[in-house]
Amino acid sequence: MRFALIGLEGMAGNMARRLRQQDVEVVGYDEDAERGKRLADESGVIATTSIVAALRKLPGDSPKVVWLMLSDNAAVDKEIKNLAGRLSLGDIVVDGSHSNYRDSQRRGALLSQSGVWFVDAGILDGGNGLERGFCITVGGERDHVKIVEPLLQALAADDGAGWAHVGLAGAGHFARMVHSGVESSVRQAFSEGFALLQGKTSFSFDLSTIAKTWLQGSALGGDVLGDELAKAETDAPTVTQSPNYDEVRWSAIEAIEQNIAVPVISAALQNSTGNQDN
């Protein structure tokens, strides 16, 4: 299968590498031409100098698949509008960018006016997506998702099982948003726990020893505990660094709109720091 991957930075680059390891043909474009060239030399990505050039390298006898991995929300809107005028009936746009689910719903509706199909993908890599695979929640019509299923299986963790079609357009990004709220809450809880341990100076707790013990057979464990331990040992332990601040904020807003109490997510939001521009 050959498809176009627009945006090759960070996680997107590892997605391209993982797909190439499984002989998937990746036509890549990035505004940073050197980034595309490096990926081409390293893994065999077909690097192009423009989105138009990328589209020209896609097969014409089957639906074209264009996967967006852009860091800027305005850039996603721009490319969605451009693709609406360049793609044909039955072609598919997958948005794996850091998008709000409401934007995904809007973009899907816009593309449908041109007969172009839309799939949104909430992608999580757990810090090692290249080797272990990615966790992906997907939104869109079932028939449209079926067309990109080979890509999803190639990217997903657990030998292709780490992805799920969770609903219509927007559902994939909604699920990722809630995951970020939960993750931030867990991080906040660990951070507070380490603060309590560290504050009990009469015991002179070794946080590393306690954390390693918790990893052995308790309900707590995993990468999040290790991350928060490192922060507690080097920084003030009462502040959680959220990797997806805006998604935590979106989760809290959604809870308000649904009139659902989420005190832990709200507390995690109040104690989080991160990119607050979106």
Protein backbone atom coordinates (compact mmCIF):
# COMPACT_ATOMS: atom_id res chain seq x y z
CA MET A 1 0.00 0.00 0.00
CA ARG A 2 1.27 3.49 -0.86
CA PHE A 3 -0.02 6.58 0.90
CA ALA A 4 1.05 10.17 1.63
CA LEU A 5 2.21 11.26 5.07
CA ILE A 6 2.15 15.05 5.47
CA GLY A 7 4.33 16.16 8.37
CA LEU A 8 7.33 14.07 9.42
CA GLU A 9 8.39 15.57 12.73
CA GLY A 10 8.69 13.64 15.99
CA MET A 11 6.14 10.85 16.33
CA ALA A 12 5.23 11.12 12.64
CA GLY A 13 8.81 10.31 11.71
CA ASN A 14 8.69 7.18 13.86
CA MET A 15 5.40 6.23 12.25
CA ALA A 16 7.09 6.46 8.85
CA ARG A 17 10.02 4.36 10.07
CA ARG A 18 7.74 1.68 11.51
CA LEU A 19 5.72 1.48 8.31
CA ARG A 20 8.85 1.20 6.18
CA GLN A 21 10.05 -1.68 8.38
CA GLN A 22 6.93 -3.49 7.15
CA ASP A 23 7.49 -2.48 3.51
CA VAL A 24 4.65 0.04 3.38
CA GLU A 25 5.41 2.68 0.75
CA VAL A 26 5.40 6.10 2.42
CA VAL A 27 5.32 9.22 0.27
CA GLY A 28 6.42 11.92 2.69
CA TYR A 29 6.32 15.70 2.74
CA ASP A 30 7.53 18.11 5.40
CA GLU A 31 8.13 21.84 5.28
CA ASP A 32 11.62 21.05 6.50
CA ALA A 33 13.06 19.49 3.34
CA GLU A 34 16.11 18.20 5.22
CA ARG A 35 13.87 16.21 7.56
CA GLY A 36 12.29 14.45 4.59
CA LYS A 37 15.67 13.81 2.99
CA ARG A 38 17.03 12.27 6.19
CA LEU A 39 14.05 9.93 6.42
CA ALA A 40 14.46 9.02 2.76
CA ASP A 41 18.12 8.14 3.27
CA GLU A 42 17.46 6.31 6.52
CA SER A 43 14.34 4.29 5.78
CA GLY A 44 13.37 4.66 2.12
CA VAL A 45 10.56 7.17 2.52
CA ILE A 46 9.74 8.73 -0.86
CA ALA A 47 10.45 12.37 0.00
CA THR A 48 8.73 15.09 -2.03
CA THR A 49 9.07 18.86 -2.19
CA SER A 50 5.35 19.71 -2.04
CA ILE A 51 1.97 18.23 -1.22
CA VAL A 52 1.05 18.43 -4.90
CA ALA A 53 4.13 16.36 -5.74
CA ALA A 54 3.19 13.86 -3.05
CA LEU A 55 -0.31 13.45 -4.48
CA ARG A 56 1.13 12.82 -7.94
CA LYS A 57 3.05 9.83 -6.60
CA LEU A 58 -0.07 8.10 -5.27
CA PRO A 59 -1.77 5.37 -7.31
CA GLY A 60 -4.70 6.47 -9.43
CA ASP A 61 -6.51 3.13 -9.52
CA SER A 62 -7.54 3.09 -5.85
CA PRO A 63 -8.60 5.64 -3.25
CA LYS A 64 -5.76 8.01 -2.42
CA VAL A 65 -4.95 8.12 1.29
CA VAL A 66 -3.42 11.29 2.74
CA TRP A 67 -2.45 11.21 6.43
CA LEU A 68 -1.90 14.54 8.18
CA MET A 69 0.49 14.83 11.13
CA LEU A 70 0.72 18.59 11.65
CA SER A 71 1.50 20.36 14.91
CA ASP A 72 -0.37 23.57 14.18
CA ASN A 73 -4.18 23.66 14.18
CA ALA A 74 -4.29 26.41 11.55
CA ALA A 75 -2.04 24.32 9.31
CA VAL A 76 -4.46 21.38 9.55
CA ASP A 77 -7.35 23.62 8.50
CA LYS A 78 -5.32 24.99 5.61
CA GLU A 79 -4.39 21.55 4.29
CA ILE A 80 -7.91 20.19 4.74
CA LYS A 81 -9.23 22.99 2.53
CA ASN A 82 -6.47 22.45 -0.03
CA LEU A 83 -7.08 18.70 -0.15
CA ALA A 84 -10.82 19.21 -0.56
CA GLY A 85 -10.04 20.83 -3.92
CA ARG A 86 -7.32 18.41 -5.01
CA LEU A 87 -8.65 14.97 -4.05
CA SER A 88 -11.33 13.01 -5.86
CA LEU A 89 -14.53 11.24 -4.90
CA GLY A 90 -13.75 8.38 -2.50
CA ASP A 91 -10.26 9.53 -1.54
CA ILE A 92 -9.49 9.60 2.20
CA VAL A 93 -7.90 12.11 4.54
CA VAL A 94 -6.71 10.78 7.89
CA ASP A 95 -5.98 13.38 10.53
CA GLY A 96 -3.62 12.11 13.19
CA SER A 97 -2.70 15.60 14.29
CA HIS A 98 -3.19 17.06 17.75
CA SER A 99 -6.78 18.09 16.98
CA ASN A 100 -9.86 18.87 19.03
CA TYR A 101 -12.65 16.42 18.28
CA ARG A 102 -15.02 19.29 17.39
CA ASP A 103 -12.57 20.40 14.71
CA SER A 104 -12.48 16.82 13.41
CA GLN A 105 -16.27 16.77 13.13
CA ARG A 106 -16.19 20.09 11.26
CA ARG A 107 -13.41 18.97 8.93
CA GLY A 108 -15.16 15.71 8.15
CA ALA A 109 -18.31 17.62 7.20
CA LEU A 110 -16.30 19.99 5.01
CA LEU A 111 -14.56 17.21 3.12
CA SER A 112 -17.79 15.29 2.62
CA GLN A 113 -19.10 18.18 0.52
CA SER A 114 -16.41 17.28 -2.03
CA GLY A 115 -17.02 13.55 -1.73
CA VAL A 116 -13.76 13.07 0.16
CA TRP A 117 -13.87 10.77 3.17
CA PHE A 118 -12.43 11.64 6.58
CA VAL A 119 -10.98 9.53 9.37
CA ASP A 120 -9.58 10.95 12.62
CA ALA A 121 -6.90 9.09 14.56
CA GLY A 122 -6.01 9.73 18.19
CA ILE A 123 -2.45 8.42 18.40
CA LEU A 124 -0.46 7.61 21.55
CA ASP A 125 3.04 6.20 21.52
CA GLY A 126 3.84 5.58 25.17
CA GLY A 127 7.30 7.01 24.50
CA ASN A 128 8.43 4.16 22.24
CA GLY A 129 6.04 3.80 19.33
CA LEU A 130 8.75 2.89 16.84
CA GLU A 131 9.64 -0.35 18.57
CA ARG A 132 6.49 -1.23 20.51
CA GLY A 133 3.88 0.23 18.19
CA PHE A 134 1.23 2.87 18.74
CA CYS A 135 -2.12 3.00 20.52
CA ILE A 136 -4.68 4.38 18.07
CA THR A 137 -8.38 5.22 18.46
CA VAL A 138 -10.10 5.91 15.15
CA GLY A 139 -13.26 7.78 14.21
CA GLY A 140 -15.11 7.68 10.89
CA GLU A 141 -17.45 5.56 8.80
CA ARG A 142 -16.70 1.85 9.06
CA ASP A 143 -16.20 1.41 5.30
CA HIS A 144 -13.73 4.30 5.22
CA VAL A 145 -11.77 2.97 8.18
CA LYS A 146 -11.60 -0.42 6.48
CA ILE A 147 -9.60 1.09 3.62
CA VAL A 148 -6.87 2.41 5.95
CA GLU A 149 -6.93 -0.67 8.20
CA PRO A 150 -3.66 -2.06 6.76
CA LEU A 151 -1.88 1.12 7.89
CA LEU A 152 -3.49 0.98 11.32
CA GLN A 153 -2.49 -2.63 11.83
CA ALA A 154 1.07 -1.93 10.73
CA LEU A 155 1.35 0.98 13.17
CA ALA A 156 -0.47 -0.51 16.14
CA ALA A 157 1.11 -2.11 19.18
CA ASP A 158 0.59 -5.75 20.18
CA ASP A 159 1.13 -7.15 16.68
CA GLY A 160 -1.50 -4.89 15.16
CA ALA A 161 -4.11 -5.26 17.88
CA GLY A 162 -3.48 -1.88 19.50
CA TRP A 163 -6.04 0.09 17.54
CA ALA A 164 -9.83 0.35 17.58
CA HIS A 165 -12.58 1.95 15.54
CA VAL A 166 -14.48 3.78 18.28
CA GLY A 167 -17.18 5.74 16.47
CA LEU A 168 -17.97 8.37 13.86
CA ALA A 169 -15.76 11.30 12.89
CA GLY A 170 -14.34 13.00 15.97
CA ALA A 171 -14.58 9.92 18.18
CA GLY A 172 -10.92 9.02 17.76
CA HIS A 173 -9.71 12.40 18.94
CA PHE A 174 -12.32 12.48 21.72
CA ALA A 175 -10.98 9.20 23.11
CA ARG A 176 -7.41 10.50 22.99
CA MET A 177 -8.52 13.68 24.75
CA VAL A 178 -10.05 11.72 27.63
CA HIS A 179 -6.93 9.54 27.83
CA SER A 180 -4.86 12.69 28.33
CA GLY A 181 -7.16 13.79 31.13
CA VAL A 182 -6.80 10.42 32.85
CA GLU A 183 -3.03 10.31 32.31
CA SER A 184 -2.59 13.78 33.77
CA SER A 185 -4.71 12.78 36.78
CA VAL A 186 -2.58 9.70 37.41
CA ARG A 187 0.57 11.79 37.15
CA GLN A 188 -0.90 14.30 39.58
CA ALA A 189 -1.74 11.53 42.06
CA PHE A 190 1.79 10.12 41.89
CA SER A 191 3.26 13.60 42.26
CA GLU A 192 1.18 14.27 45.36
CA GLY A 193 2.07 10.88 46.82
CA PHE A 194 5.78 11.47 46.39
CA ALA A 195 5.34 14.91 47.95
CA LEU A 196 3.78 13.30 51.04
CA LEU A 197 6.58 10.77 51.29
CA GLN A 198 9.24 13.40 50.84
CA GLY A 199 7.55 15.68 53.36
CA LYS A 200 7.71 13.09 56.13
CA THR A 201 11.31 13.94 56.92
CA SER A 202 11.37 11.92 60.14
CA PHE A 203 11.36 8.72 58.06
CA SER A 204 13.97 9.88 55.53
CA PHE A 205 12.23 7.92 52.79
CA ASP A 206 14.23 6.84 49.75
CA LEU A 207 11.70 7.55 46.98
CA SER A 208 13.49 5.34 44.49
CA THR A 209 13.30 2.31 46.80
CA ILE A 210 9.59 2.84 47.42
CA ALA A 211 8.82 3.32 43.73
CA LYS A 212 10.73 0.17 42.77
CA THR A 213 8.83 -1.76 45.44
CA TRP A 214 5.50 -0.43 44.15
CA LEU A 215 6.43 -1.70 40.71
CA GLN A 216 6.62 -5.25 42.04
CA GLY A 217 3.15 -6.72 42.29
CA SER A 218 1.14 -3.66 43.34
CA ALA A 219 -1.64 -2.01 41.39
CA LEU A 220 0.69 0.91 40.72
CA GLY A 221 3.46 0.81 38.18
CA GLY A 222 4.55 1.53 34.66
CA ASP A 223 6.21 4.41 32.87
CA VAL A 224 4.13 7.12 34.55
CA LEU A 225 5.38 6.16 38.02
CA GLY A 226 8.97 6.25 36.82
CA ASP A 227 8.52 9.64 35.19
CA GLU A 228 7.01 11.18 38.30
CA LEU A 229 9.68 9.64 40.52
CA ALA A 230 12.40 11.31 38.44
CA LYS A 231 10.64 14.66 38.76
CA ALA A 232 10.09 14.25 42.49
CA GLU A 233 13.78 13.56 43.04
CA THR A 234 14.93 16.58 41.03
CA ASP A 235 12.13 19.17 41.17
CA ALA A 236 9.33 20.36 43.42
CA PRO A 237 7.12 17.25 43.51
CA THR A 238 3.76 18.98 43.77
CA VAL A 239 3.53 20.05 40.12
CA THR A 240 2.70 17.61 37.37
CA GLN A 241 4.17 18.32 33.95
CA SER A 242 1.39 17.41 31.54
CA PRO A 243 2.52 16.43 28.02
CA ASN A 244 -0.92 17.29 26.63
CA TYR A 245 -2.12 20.29 28.61
CA ASP A 246 -4.67 21.40 26.04
CA GLU A 247 -6.30 17.96 25.90
CA VAL A 248 -6.57 17.91 29.70
CA ARG A 249 -8.25 21.31 29.47
CA TRP A 250 -10.61 20.09 26.74
CA SER A 251 -11.52 17.11 28.97
CA ALA A 252 -12.39 19.45 31.85
CA ILE A 253 -14.50 21.66 29.55
CA GLU A 254 -16.33 18.60 28.21
CA ALA A 255 -17.10 17.52 31.78
CA ILE A 256 -18.62 20.94 32.50
CA GLU A 257 -20.74 20.75 29.35
CA GLN A 258 -21.94 17.24 30.29
CA ASN A 259 -22.45 18.24 33.94
CA ILE A 260 -20.21 15.39 35.06
CA ALA A 261 -18.01 15.85 38.13
CA VAL A 262 -14.33 15.13 37.44
CA PRO A 263 -12.54 16.58 40.49
CA VAL A 264 -9.30 14.67 39.93
CA ILE A 265 -8.97 15.75 36.29
CA SER A 266 -9.83 19.31 37.33
CA ALA A 267 -7.18 19.20 40.06
CA ALA A 268 -4.64 17.78 37.62
CA LEU A 269 -5.45 20.60 35.21
CA GLN A 270 -4.93 23.24 37.89
CA ASN A 271 -1.55 21.79 38.78
CA SER A 272 -0.40 21.11 35.22
CA THR A 273 1.94 23.12 33.08
CA GLY A 274 2.39 22.87 29.37
CA ASN A 275 1.44 24.40 26.08
CA GLN A 276 -1.48 26.64 26.95
CA ASP A 277 -1.78 28.34 23.55
CA ASN A 278 -4.41 26.02 21.99
